[in-house]
């Protein structure tokens, strides 16, 4: 039993090490996948800068950690009606306008 337990532990550690090495690349792939959404929300320059920072492995994690507490470092562009573009699905719903 001790040998099978040791082999299982060795295999688990090897798998964990391999996954840990791939984590930065997964984050970069996610940043590239969401680049179009960021460009639509922040404009061309802001979206490219935001996605570029997110794609850099440790810089992106630091940026996202800061944004968790402070909000977006690169603000969304204004929509045609003068308000910031919606960032979540809940904000896209129109508010009921009072009847005259």
Foldseek 3Di string as FASTA:
>chain_A
DVVVVVVVVVVVVVVVVVVVVCVLVVQLVVLVVCLVVQCVFANPVLSVVLSVQSSGRPSVVVQVVVCVPVNHPRATDADPVGHHDDDDPVVVDDDDDDDD
